[in-house]
Amino acid sequence: MSALSTVCGYLAEGIEVEDTFAEAFGMTAARLIVTAETAAWARIAGQTATGYATSVIACDAEAGVERELEPDQTPDGRPGVRLLIFALSRDALEKALVKRVGQCVMTCPTTACYNDWPLDDRAIVVGGKLRYFGDGWQIAKLVGERRFWRMPTMDGEFACEERFGTLKGVAGGNLLFQGTTPTGTLEAATRAVAAIRAQCEDVILPFPGGIARSGSKVGSKYQMLRASVNDAYAPTLRGLVASALPESVQCVYELVIDGLSFDAVAQAMRVGLTQPDFRGLGLARVSAGNYGGKLGPYHFHLRDLLNPP
């Protein structure tokens, strides 16, 4: 892409929408519910369990709090949060969940952890491995066809479901907000994140606050790196590389969206693109990142999101 790329439409105040697409990949996903005695402790457990999970470039998973749940929405009638966790394979997802639930949820006061996806032959074992923490004092409880393990803790016990369902999710939907000032561009991206989180289900934005500043490309001049700076979108490198940015753009922020289905990611991108009020922020263009369509099987064309059938 270049600064001369074509435009497929406009937002308020003549903000360009580039005629391009986001390229996303399949990843194995799990959806789980964490509850606690209070909403505050459920929130703490969820945020801790989904930390250091922005990108599988360097993390064991991509994860986030999808939403907070009222007591009547959880299995045990307590406040909770719903988490989405994505990994490159079922084996990698199981390892990540066992570590994250064991070290971040079981350790958090008053919590319990439940599977929130149908079980089939793709299920992974989580509570069934964490039970050994009980050192022989753990107790199994069967509720219908669901098995739970209860491990003694210093404040009572920790309950965790034995198996968690998995599915094939979609990771890497994205929007690139390009503006004339860092302050205005960050506000535009922040408004897009807020709209997605308020209106969309079954998606997460795994980067800090939902926003990434260090967009990357595949590969590097250094062989030990899998990814490096996306120099085409770095304003300070304009004139030194083949820049994708117009002269007016001084800042780019990226939203990365992972979801449980193609439609969930598409809807989140549509909301982030069309629902916020971007007026007065100096936003010049919204684009998306891709690899020429050669790597990821899921393509989200901005023209289709801007003008749905």
C-alpha atoms as a PDB file:
ATOM      1  CA  MET A   1       0.000   0.000   0.000  1.00  0.00           C
ATOM      2  CA  SER A   2       1.105   3.549  -0.599  1.00  0.00           C
ATOM      3  CA  ALA A   3      -0.012   7.048   0.191  1.00  0.00           C
ATOM      4  CA  LEU A   4      -1.665   7.040  -3.239  1.00  0.00           C
ATOM      5  CA  SER A   5      -3.920   4.065  -2.442  1.00  0.00           C
ATOM      6  CA  THR A   6      -7.515   4.352  -3.570  1.00  0.00           C
ATOM      7  CA  VAL A   7     -10.381   5.401  -1.327  1.00  0.00           C
ATOM      8  CA  CYS A   8     -13.624   3.437  -0.968  1.00  0.00           C
ATOM      9  CA  GLY A   9     -15.547   5.989   1.071  1.00  0.00           C
ATOM     10  CA  TYR A  10     -15.504   8.754   3.630  1.00  0.00           C
ATOM     11  CA  LEU A  11     -16.465   9.257   7.251  1.00  0.00           C
ATOM     12  CA  ALA A  12     -17.380  12.624   8.794  1.00  0.00           C
ATOM     13  CA  GLU A  13     -15.287  15.671   7.831  1.00  0.00           C
ATOM     14  CA  GLY A  14     -13.904  13.932   4.750  1.00  0.00           C
ATOM     15  CA  ILE A  15     -11.987  11.252   6.652  1.00  0.00           C
ATOM     16  CA  GLU A  16     -10.816   8.759   4.033  1.00  0.00           C
ATOM     17  CA  VAL A  17     -11.471   5.034   4.253  1.00  0.00           C
ATOM     18  CA  GLU A  18      -8.828   3.233   2.237  1.00  0.00           C
ATOM     19  CA  ASP A  19      -9.959   0.599  -0.250  1.00  0.00           C
ATOM     20  CA  THR A  20      -8.076  -2.283   1.332  1.00  0.00           C
ATOM     21  CA  PHE A  21      -8.667  -5.225   3.660  1.00  0.00           C
ATOM     22  CA  ALA A  22      -7.596  -6.732   6.952  1.00  0.00           C
ATOM     23  CA  GLU A  23      -6.124 -10.217   6.756  1.00  0.00           C
ATOM     24  CA  ALA A  24      -6.790 -12.571   9.669  1.00  0.00           C
ATOM     25  CA  PHE A  25      -5.889 -16.095  10.722  1.00  0.00           C
ATOM     26  CA  GLY A  26      -7.503 -19.096  12.347  1.00  0.00           C
ATOM     27  CA  MET A  27      -6.649 -19.776  15.992  1.00  0.00           C
ATOM     28  CA  THR A  28      -7.987 -22.198  18.586  1.00  0.00           C
ATOM     29  CA  ALA A  29     -10.154 -20.431  21.157  1.00  0.00           C
ATOM     30  CA  ALA A  30     -11.805 -21.048  24.508  1.00  0.00           C
ATOM     31  CA  ARG A  31     -14.473 -19.079  26.334  1.00  0.00           C
ATOM     32  CA  LEU A  32     -14.592 -19.249  30.109  1.00  0.00           C
ATOM     33  CA  ILE A  33     -16.353 -17.618  33.026  1.00  0.00           C
ATOM     34  CA  VAL A  34     -14.604 -16.544  36.212  1.00  0.00           C
ATOM     35  CA  THR A  35     -16.731 -15.665  39.232  1.00  0.00           C
ATOM     36  CA  ALA A  36     -15.939 -14.256  42.663  1.00  0.00           C
ATOM     37  CA  GLU A  37     -17.637 -12.987  45.800  1.00  0.00           C
ATOM     38  CA  THR A  38     -17.651  -9.448  44.390  1.00  0.00           C
ATOM     39  CA  ALA A  39     -17.520  -7.923  40.922  1.00  0.00           C
ATOM     40  CA  ALA A  40     -14.253  -6.226  41.856  1.00  0.00           C
ATOM     41  CA  TRP A  41     -12.493  -9.517  42.623  1.00  0.00           C
ATOM     42  CA  ALA A  42     -13.908 -11.166  39.499  1.00  0.00           C
ATOM     43  CA  ARG A  43     -12.552  -8.237  37.490  1.00  0.00           C
ATOM     44  CA  ILE A  44      -9.127  -8.530  39.129  1.00  0.00           C
ATOM     45  CA  ALA A  45      -8.972 -12.255  38.377  1.00  0.00           C
ATOM     46  CA  GLY A  46      -9.998 -11.728  34.757  1.00  0.00           C
ATOM     47  CA  GLN A  47      -7.526  -8.934  34.148  1.00  0.00           C
ATOM     48  CA  THR A  48      -4.704 -10.899  35.750  1.00  0.00           C
ATOM     49  CA  ALA A  49      -5.486 -14.104  33.839  1.00  0.00           C
ATOM     50  CA  THR A  50      -5.448 -12.249  30.516  1.00  0.00           C
ATOM     51  CA  GLY A  51      -2.262 -10.275  31.145  1.00  0.00           C
ATOM     52  CA  TYR A  52       0.804 -10.637  28.906  1.00  0.00           C
ATOM     53  CA  ALA A  53      -1.429 -11.947  26.123  1.00  0.00           C
ATOM     54  CA  THR A  54      -1.330  -9.342  23.369  1.00  0.00           C
ATOM     55  CA  SER A  55       0.141 -11.373  20.499  1.00  0.00           C
ATOM     56  CA  VAL A  56       1.335 -14.924  19.901  1.00  0.00           C
ATOM     57  CA  ILE A  57       4.395 -13.367  18.288  1.00  0.00           C
ATOM     58  CA  ALA A  58       5.869 -13.522  21.798  1.00  0.00           C
ATOM     59  CA  CYS A  59       3.073 -14.557  24.190  1.00  0.00           C
ATOM     60  CA  ASP A  60       1.626 -18.017  24.840  1.00  0.00           C
ATOM     61  CA  ALA A  61      -1.864 -16.748  23.985  1.00  0.00           C
ATOM     62  CA  GLU A  62      -3.956 -13.768  22.975  1.00  0.00           C
ATOM     63  CA  ALA A  63      -6.588 -13.051  25.599  1.00  0.00           C
ATOM     64  CA  GLY A  64      -8.936 -10.499  27.062  1.00  0.00           C
ATOM     65  CA  VAL A  65     -11.998  -9.855  29.178  1.00  0.00           C
ATOM     66  CA  GLU A  66     -14.916 -10.022  26.755  1.00  0.00           C
ATOM     67  CA  ARG A  67     -17.462  -8.619  29.214  1.00  0.00           C
ATOM     68  CA  GLU A  68     -18.564  -8.429  32.829  1.00  0.00           C
ATOM     69  CA  LEU A  69     -21.478 -10.625  33.919  1.00  0.00           C
ATOM     70  CA  GLU A  70     -24.289 -10.103  36.404  1.00  0.00           C
ATOM     71  CA  PRO A  71     -24.973 -12.815  39.011  1.00  0.00           C
ATOM     72  CA  ASP A  72     -27.952 -14.140  37.024  1.00  0.00           C
ATOM     73  CA  GLN A  73     -25.619 -14.734  34.043  1.00  0.00           C
ATOM     74  CA  THR A  74     -23.125 -17.011  35.816  1.00  0.00           C
ATOM     75  CA  PRO A  75     -23.248 -20.701  36.812  1.00  0.00           C
ATOM     76  CA  ASP A  76     -22.981 -20.047  40.565  1.00  0.00           C
ATOM     77  CA  GLY A  77     -25.071 -16.880  40.862  1.00  0.00           C
ATOM     78  CA  ARG A  78     -22.133 -14.616  41.680  1.00  0.00           C
ATOM     79  CA  PRO A  79     -20.634 -11.658  39.785  1.00  0.00           C
ATOM     80  CA  GLY A  80     -18.288 -12.712  37.010  1.00  0.00           C
ATOM     81  CA  VAL A  81     -16.350 -11.974  33.858  1.00  0.00           C
ATOM     82  CA  ARG A  82     -16.229 -13.814  30.559  1.00  0.00           C
ATOM     83  CA  LEU A  83     -12.782 -14.366  29.065  1.00  0.00           C
ATOM     84  CA  LEU A  84     -11.718 -15.287  25.541  1.00  0.00           C
ATOM     85  CA  ILE A  85      -8.334 -16.947  25.095  1.00  0.00           C
ATOM     86  CA  PHE A  86      -6.748 -17.803  21.722  1.00  0.00           C
ATOM     87  CA  ALA A  87      -3.685 -19.915  20.908  1.00  0.00           C
ATOM     88  CA  LEU A  88      -2.048 -21.445  17.852  1.00  0.00           C
ATOM     89  CA  SER A  89      -3.202 -25.007  18.629  1.00  0.00           C
ATOM     90  CA  ARG A  90      -5.307 -27.000  21.083  1.00  0.00           C
ATOM     91  CA  ASP A  91      -2.172 -28.206  22.830  1.00  0.00           C
ATOM     92  CA  ALA A  92      -0.854 -24.657  23.181  1.00  0.00           C
ATOM     93  CA  LEU A  93      -4.251 -23.462  24.399  1.00  0.00           C
ATOM     94  CA  GLU A  94      -4.444 -26.182  27.043  1.00  0.00           C
ATOM     95  CA  LYS A  95      -0.987 -25.316  28.354  1.00  0.00           C
ATOM     96  CA  ALA A  96      -1.828 -21.615  28.452  1.00  0.00           C
ATOM     97  CA  LEU A  97      -5.147 -22.167  30.227  1.00  0.00           C
ATOM     98  CA  VAL A  98      -3.720 -24.503  32.858  1.00  0.00           C
ATOM     99  CA  LYS A  99      -1.016 -21.958  33.686  1.00  0.00           C
ATOM    100  CA  ARG A 100      -3.239 -18.894  33.570  1.00  0.00           C
ATOM    101  CA  VAL A 101      -6.130 -20.395  35.538  1.00  0.00           C
ATOM    102  CA  GLY A 102      -3.754 -22.030  38.001  1.00  0.00           C
ATOM    103  CA  GLN A 103      -1.545 -19.012  38.619  1.00  0.00           C
ATOM    104  CA  CYS A 104      -3.994 -16.138  38.134  1.00  0.00           C
ATOM    105  CA  VAL A 105      -7.506 -17.382  38.940  1.00  0.00           C
ATOM    106  CA  MET A 106      -6.992 -20.078  41.582  1.00  0.00           C
ATOM    107  CA  THR A 107      -4.667 -17.718  43.466  1.00  0.00           C
ATOM    108  CA  CYS A 108      -7.229 -14.888  43.485  1.00  0.00           C
ATOM    109  CA  PRO A 109      -9.503 -14.680  46.555  1.00  0.00           C
ATOM    110  CA  THR A 110     -12.987 -16.302  46.354  1.00  0.00           C
ATOM    111  CA  THR A 111     -12.870 -17.247  42.651  1.00  0.00           C
ATOM    112  CA  ALA A 112     -14.263 -20.175  40.672  1.00  0.00           C
ATOM    113  CA  CYS A 113     -13.732 -21.009  36.984  1.00  0.00           C
ATOM    114  CA  TYR A 114     -16.216 -22.481  34.488  1.00  0.00           C
ATOM    115  CA  ASN A 115     -16.178 -23.619  30.883  1.00  0.00           C
ATOM    116  CA  ASP A 116     -18.481 -21.557  28.651  1.00  0.00           C
ATOM    117  CA  TRP A 117     -18.426 -23.471  25.359  1.00  0.00           C
ATOM    118  CA  PRO A 118     -20.057 -26.804  24.377  1.00  0.00           C
ATOM    119  CA  LEU A 119     -17.923 -29.872  25.036  1.00  0.00           C
ATOM    120  CA  ASP A 120     -17.005 -32.230  22.205  1.00  0.00           C
ATOM    121  CA  ASP A 121     -13.973 -34.249  21.118  1.00  0.00           C
ATOM    122  CA  ARG A 122     -11.969 -31.014  20.834  1.00  0.00           C
ATOM    123  CA  ALA A 123     -12.226 -30.297  24.573  1.00  0.00           C
ATOM    124  CA  ILE A 124      -9.080 -29.678  26.609  1.00  0.00           C
ATOM    125  CA  VAL A 125      -8.357 -30.606  30.230  1.00  0.00           C
ATOM    126  CA  VAL A 126      -7.938 -27.734  32.694  1.00  0.00           C
ATOM    127  CA  GLY A 127      -9.461 -28.478  36.101  1.00  0.00           C
ATOM    128  CA  GLY A 128      -8.539 -32.113  35.575  1.00  0.00           C
ATOM    129  CA  LYS A 129      -4.875 -31.078  35.687  1.00  0.00           C
ATOM    130  CA  LEU A 130      -5.146 -28.346  38.295  1.00  0.00           C
ATOM    131  CA  ARG A 131      -6.773 -30.827  40.702  1.00  0.00           C
ATOM    132  CA  TYR A 132      -3.360 -32.199  41.650  1.00  0.00           C
ATOM    133  CA  PHE A 133      -2.721 -28.979  43.545  1.00  0.00           C
ATOM    134  CA  GLY A 134      -5.094 -30.471  46.121  1.00  0.00           C
ATOM    135  CA  ASP A 135      -2.406 -33.050  46.945  1.00  0.00           C
ATOM    136  CA  GLY A 136      -4.943 -35.817  47.384  1.00  0.00           C
ATOM    137  CA  TRP A 137      -7.560 -33.702  49.169  1.00  0.00           C
ATOM    138  CA  GLN A 138      -9.311 -32.629  45.948  1.00  0.00           C
ATOM    139  CA  ILE A 139     -12.924 -33.721  45.458  1.00  0.00           C
ATOM    140  CA  ALA A 140     -14.756 -34.373  42.175  1.00  0.00           C
ATOM    141  CA  LYS A 141     -18.362 -33.264  41.744  1.00  0.00           C
ATOM    142  CA  LEU A 142     -20.544 -34.299  38.810  1.00  0.00           C
ATOM    143  CA  VAL A 143     -23.357 -31.930  37.792  1.00  0.00           C
ATOM    144  CA  GLY A 144     -25.258 -33.492  34.918  1.00  0.00           C
ATOM    145  CA  GLU A 145     -22.506 -34.414  32.472  1.00  0.00           C
ATOM    146  CA  ARG A 146     -20.124 -31.716  33.711  1.00  0.00           C
ATOM    147  CA  ARG A 147     -17.371 -32.666  36.148  1.00  0.00           C
ATOM    148  CA  PHE A 148     -15.915 -30.116  38.539  1.00  0.00           C
ATOM    149  CA  TRP A 149     -12.902 -30.330  40.810  1.00  0.00           C
ATOM    150  CA  ARG A 150     -12.823 -28.699  44.237  1.00  0.00           C
ATOM    151  CA  MET A 151      -9.370 -27.964  45.626  1.00  0.00           C
ATOM    152  CA  PRO A 152      -8.849 -26.833  49.230  1.00  0.00           C
ATOM    153  CA  THR A 153      -7.415 -23.334  49.641  1.00  0.00           C
ATOM    154  CA  MET A 154      -6.651 -21.104  52.603  1.00  0.00           C
ATOM    155  CA  ASP A 155      -9.987 -19.270  52.229  1.00  0.00           C
ATOM    156  CA  GLY A 156     -12.115 -22.351  51.551  1.00  0.00           C
ATOM    157  CA  GLU A 157     -11.934 -24.068  48.178  1.00  0.00           C
ATOM    158  CA  PHE A 158     -11.411 -23.368  44.501  1.00  0.00           C
ATOM    159  CA  ALA A 159     -13.834 -24.967  42.031  1.00  0.00           C
ATOM    160  CA  CYS A 160     -12.815 -25.471  38.411  1.00  0.00           C
ATOM    161  CA  GLU A 161     -14.470 -27.383  35.614  1.00  0.00           C
ATOM    162  CA  GLU A 162     -12.551 -30.447  34.452  1.00  0.00           C
ATOM    163  CA  ARG A 163     -12.736 -29.841  30.694  1.00  0.00           C
ATOM    164  CA  PHE A 164     -13.159 -26.755  28.541  1.00  0.00           C
ATOM    165  CA  GLY A 165     -14.642 -26.651  25.061  1.00  0.00           C
ATOM    166  CA  THR A 166     -12.650 -25.220  22.170  1.00  0.00           C
ATOM    167  CA  LEU A 167     -13.469 -23.900  18.722  1.00  0.00           C
ATOM    168  CA  LYS A 168     -11.764 -22.416  15.697  1.00  0.00           C
ATOM    169  CA  GLY A 169     -11.670 -18.662  16.154  1.00  0.00           C
ATOM    170  CA  VAL A 170     -10.504 -15.802  13.949  1.00  0.00           C
ATOM    171  CA  ALA A 171      -7.609 -13.601  15.040  1.00  0.00           C
ATOM    172  CA  GLY A 172      -6.109 -10.497  13.505  1.00  0.00           C
ATOM    173  CA  GLY A 173      -8.961  -8.348  12.271  1.00  0.00           C
ATOM    174  CA  ASN A 174      -7.632  -4.808  12.416  1.00  0.00           C
ATOM    175  CA  LEU A 175      -8.154  -1.110  11.786  1.00  0.00           C
ATOM    176  CA  LEU A 176      -5.395   1.479  11.346  1.00  0.00           C
ATOM    177  CA  PHE A 177      -6.317   4.977  12.513  1.00  0.00           C
ATOM    178  CA  GLN A 178      -4.122   7.630  10.888  1.00  0.00           C
ATOM    179  CA  GLY A 179      -4.226  11.203  12.123  1.00  0.00           C
ATOM    180  CA  THR A 180      -2.508  14.559  12.102  1.00  0.00           C
ATOM    181  CA  THR A 181      -1.686  14.563  15.843  1.00  0.00           C
ATOM    182  CA  PRO A 182      -0.955  11.809  18.384  1.00  0.00           C
ATOM    183  CA  THR A 183      -3.529  13.208  20.829  1.00  0.00           C
ATOM    184  CA  GLY A 184      -6.382  13.294  18.338  1.00  0.00           C
ATOM    185  CA  THR A 185      -5.498   9.939  16.790  1.00  0.00           C
ATOM    186  CA  LEU A 186      -5.373   8.266  20.193  1.00  0.00           C
ATOM    187  CA  GLU A 187      -8.767   9.721  21.065  1.00  0.00           C
ATOM    188  CA  ALA A 188     -10.209   8.394  17.788  1.00  0.00           C
ATOM    189  CA  ALA A 189      -8.842   4.911  18.461  1.00  0.00           C
ATOM    190  CA  THR A 190     -10.086   5.057  22.051  1.00  0.00           C
ATOM    191  CA  ARG A 191     -13.603   5.920  20.881  1.00  0.00           C
ATOM    192  CA  ALA A 192     -13.531   2.990  18.458  1.00  0.00           C
ATOM    193  CA  VAL A 193     -12.481   0.613  21.248  1.00  0.00           C
ATOM    194  CA  ALA A 194     -15.262   1.902  23.499  1.00  0.00           C
ATOM    195  CA  ALA A 195     -17.870   1.414  20.767  1.00  0.00           C
ATOM    196  CA  ILE A 196     -16.740  -2.151  20.054  1.00  0.00           C
ATOM    197  CA  ARG A 197     -16.697  -3.133  23.715  1.00  0.00           C
ATOM    198  CA  ALA A 198     -20.124  -1.620  24.310  1.00  0.00           C
ATOM    199  CA  GLN A 199     -21.873  -3.051  21.251  1.00  0.00           C
ATOM    200  CA  CYS A 200     -20.147  -6.303  20.259  1.00  0.00           C
ATOM    201  CA  GLU A 201     -20.011  -9.824  21.675  1.00  0.00           C
ATOM    202  CA  ASP A 202     -17.574 -12.708  21.245  1.00  0.00           C
ATOM    203  CA  VAL A 203     -14.602 -10.453  20.462  1.00  0.00           C
ATOM    204  CA  ILE A 204     -11.633  -9.057  22.344  1.00  0.00           C
ATOM    205  CA  LEU A 205      -9.048  -6.382  21.628  1.00  0.00           C
ATOM    206  CA  PRO A 206      -5.960  -7.945  23.249  1.00  0.00           C
ATOM    207  CA  PHE A 207      -3.544  -4.997  23.218  1.00  0.00           C
ATOM    208  CA  PRO A 208      -3.244  -2.495  26.110  1.00  0.00           C
ATOM    209  CA  GLY A 209      -6.494  -0.552  26.263  1.00  0.00           C
ATOM    210  CA  GLY A 210      -7.374  -2.247  22.967  1.00  0.00           C
ATOM    211  CA  ILE A 211      -4.762  -0.227  21.053  1.00  0.00           C
ATOM    212  CA  ALA A 212      -1.327  -1.039  19.608  1.00  0.00           C
ATOM    213  CA  ARG A 213       1.311   1.589  18.817  1.00  0.00           C
ATOM    214  CA  SER A 214       4.066  -0.786  17.672  1.00  0.00           C
ATOM    215  CA  GLY A 215       2.483  -2.294  14.580  1.00  0.00           C
ATOM    216  CA  SER A 216       4.682  -5.016  13.113  1.00  0.00           C
ATOM    217  CA  LYS A 217       5.493  -6.696   9.828  1.00  0.00           C
ATOM    218  CA  VAL A 218       6.557 -10.300   9.299  1.00  0.00           C
ATOM    219  CA  GLY A 219      10.310 -10.842   9.502  1.00  0.00           C
ATOM    220  CA  SER A 220      13.295  -8.619  10.174  1.00  0.00           C
ATOM    221  CA  LYS A 221      16.831  -7.876   9.047  1.00  0.00           C
ATOM    222  CA  TYR A 222      17.767  -9.682  12.270  1.00  0.00           C
ATOM    223  CA  GLN A 223      17.275 -13.422  11.829  1.00  0.00           C
ATOM    224  CA  MET A 224      16.296 -14.054  15.451  1.00  0.00           C
ATOM    225  CA  LEU A 225      13.145 -11.907  15.137  1.00  0.00           C
ATOM    226  CA  ARG A 226       9.820 -13.203  13.818  1.00  0.00           C
ATOM    227  CA  ALA A 227       8.455  -9.666  13.454  1.00  0.00           C
ATOM    228  CA  SER A 228       9.752  -6.110  13.424  1.00  0.00           C
ATOM    229  CA  VAL A 229       8.576  -2.526  13.033  1.00  0.00           C
ATOM    230  CA  ASN A 230       6.044  -1.953  10.273  1.00  0.00           C
ATOM    231  CA  ASP A 231       8.212   0.781   8.793  1.00  0.00           C
ATOM    232  CA  ALA A 232       5.680   1.733   6.119  1.00  0.00           C
ATOM    233  CA  TYR A 233       3.451   3.078   8.912  1.00  0.00           C
ATOM    234  CA  ALA A 234       6.124   4.779  11.030  1.00  0.00           C
ATOM    235  CA  PRO A 235       5.848   8.555  10.441  1.00  0.00           C
ATOM    236  CA  THR A 236       9.453   9.216  11.504  1.00  0.00           C
ATOM    237  CA  LEU A 237      10.702   6.956   8.689  1.00  0.00           C
ATOM    238  CA  ARG A 238       8.835   8.783   5.940  1.00  0.00           C
ATOM    239  CA  GLY A 239      11.388   9.627   3.249  1.00  0.00           C
ATOM    240  CA  LEU A 240      13.636   6.744   4.276  1.00  0.00           C
ATOM    241  CA  VAL A 241      11.313   3.859   3.348  1.00  0.00           C
ATOM    242  CA  ALA A 242       8.377   3.229   1.026  1.00  0.00           C
ATOM    243  CA  SER A 243       5.833   4.941   3.257  1.00  0.00           C
ATOM    244  CA  ALA A 244       2.123   4.120   3.218  1.00  0.00           C
ATOM    245  CA  LEU A 245       1.270   7.420   4.885  1.00  0.00           C
ATOM    246  CA  PRO A 246       0.066  10.718   3.421  1.00  0.00           C
ATOM    247  CA  GLU A 247       2.161  13.759   4.295  1.00  0.00           C
ATOM    248  CA  SER A 248      -0.432  15.022   6.770  1.00  0.00           C
ATOM    249  CA  VAL A 249      -0.347  11.878   8.914  1.00  0.00           C
ATOM    250  CA  GLN A 250       1.886  12.095  11.980  1.00  0.00           C
ATOM    251  CA  CYS A 251       0.538   9.186  14.034  1.00  0.00           C
ATOM    252  CA  VAL A 252      -0.958   5.715  13.513  1.00  0.00           C
ATOM    253  CA  TYR A 253      -2.727   3.542  16.084  1.00  0.00           C
ATOM    254  CA  GLU A 254      -3.925   0.001  15.394  1.00  0.00           C
ATOM    255  CA  LEU A 255      -6.882  -1.926  16.759  1.00  0.00           C
ATOM    256  CA  VAL A 256      -6.445  -5.708  16.590  1.00  0.00           C
ATOM    257  CA  ILE A 257      -9.596  -7.794  16.991  1.00  0.00           C
ATOM    258  CA  ASP A 258      -9.868 -11.509  17.796  1.00  0.00           C
ATOM    259  CA  GLY A 259     -13.244 -13.220  17.749  1.00  0.00           C
ATOM    260  CA  LEU A 260     -15.067 -16.518  17.884  1.00  0.00           C
ATOM    261  CA  SER A 261     -16.274 -16.242  14.279  1.00  0.00           C
ATOM    262  CA  PHE A 262     -15.744 -14.337  11.048  1.00  0.00           C
ATOM    263  CA  ASP A 263     -19.056 -12.528  11.552  1.00  0.00           C
ATOM    264  CA  ALA A 264     -18.148 -11.456  15.094  1.00  0.00           C
ATOM    265  CA  VAL A 265     -14.883  -9.902  13.916  1.00  0.00           C
ATOM    266  CA  ALA A 266     -16.551  -8.272  10.907  1.00  0.00           C
ATOM    267  CA  GLN A 267     -19.236  -6.717  13.101  1.00  0.00           C
ATOM    268  CA  ALA A 268     -16.638  -5.393  15.542  1.00  0.00           C
ATOM    269  CA  MET A 269     -14.642  -3.837  12.710  1.00  0.00           C
ATOM    270  CA  ARG A 270     -17.827  -2.319  11.268  1.00  0.00           C
ATOM    271  CA  VAL A 271     -18.770  -0.796  14.619  1.00  0.00           C
ATOM    272  CA  GLY A 272     -15.265   0.547  15.227  1.00  0.00           C
ATOM    273  CA  LEU A 273     -15.206   2.086  11.767  1.00  0.00           C
ATOM    274  CA  THR A 274     -18.684   3.579  11.538  1.00  0.00           C
ATOM    275  CA  GLN A 275     -20.173   4.163  15.000  1.00  0.00           C
ATOM    276  CA  PRO A 276     -17.845   6.609  16.841  1.00  0.00           C
ATOM    277  CA  ASP A 277     -17.951  10.357  16.348  1.00  0.00           C
ATOM    278  CA  PHE A 278     -14.514  11.194  14.920  1.00  0.00           C
ATOM    279  CA  ARG A 279     -15.210  14.867  14.223  1.00  0.00           C
ATOM    280  CA  GLY A 280     -12.690  17.437  15.397  1.00  0.00           C
ATOM    281  CA  LEU A 281      -9.901  14.942  16.105  1.00  0.00           C
ATOM    282  CA  GLY A 282      -7.741  15.480  13.042  1.00  0.00           C
ATOM    283  CA  LEU A 283      -8.304  11.929  11.846  1.00  0.00           C
ATOM    284  CA  ALA A 284      -7.230  11.763   8.194  1.00  0.00           C
ATOM    285  CA  ARG A 285      -7.660   8.137   7.173  1.00  0.00           C
ATOM    286  CA  VAL A 286      -8.705   4.692   8.353  1.00  0.00           C
ATOM    287  CA  SER A 287      -6.963   1.720   6.772  1.00  0.00           C
ATOM    288  CA  ALA A 288      -6.218  -1.930   7.553  1.00  0.00           C
ATOM    289  CA  GLY A 289      -3.201  -4.220   7.506  1.00  0.00           C
ATOM    290  CA  ASN A 290      -2.711  -7.298   5.353  1.00  0.00           C
ATOM    291  CA  TYR A 291      -0.077  -9.519   3.769  1.00  0.00           C
ATOM    292  CA  GLY A 292      -1.365  -9.319   0.231  1.00  0.00           C
ATOM    293  CA  GLY A 293      -3.913 -12.039   0.926  1.00  0.00           C
ATOM    294  CA  LYS A 294      -1.216 -14.729   0.863  1.00  0.00           C
ATOM    295  CA  LEU A 295      -1.067 -15.779   4.525  1.00  0.00           C
ATOM    296  CA  GLY A 296      -4.438 -15.428   6.246  1.00  0.00           C
ATOM    297  CA  PRO A 297      -7.631 -17.054   4.887  1.00  0.00           C
ATOM    298  CA  TYR A 298      -9.985 -14.449   6.382  1.00  0.00           C
ATOM    299  CA  HIS A 299     -10.274 -11.117   4.556  1.00  0.00           C
ATOM    300  CA  PHE A 300     -12.289  -8.152   5.833  1.00  0.00           C
ATOM    301  CA  HIS A 301     -12.701  -5.550   3.090  1.00  0.00           C
ATOM    302  CA  LEU A 302     -13.305  -2.064   4.413  1.00  0.00           C
ATOM    303  CA  ARG A 303     -15.591  -1.226   1.502  1.00  0.00           C
ATOM    304  CA  ASP A 304     -17.928  -4.049   2.580  1.00  0.00           C
ATOM    305  CA  LEU A 305     -17.871  -2.909   6.204  1.00  0.00           C
ATOM    306  CA  LEU A 306     -18.556   0.680   5.208  1.00  0.00           C
ATOM    307  CA  ASN A 307     -21.359  -0.266   2.811  1.00  0.00           C
ATOM    308  CA  PRO A 308     -22.915  -3.536   4.015  1.00  0.00           C
ATOM    309  CA  PRO A 309     -25.325  -5.268   1.594  1.00  0.00           C
END
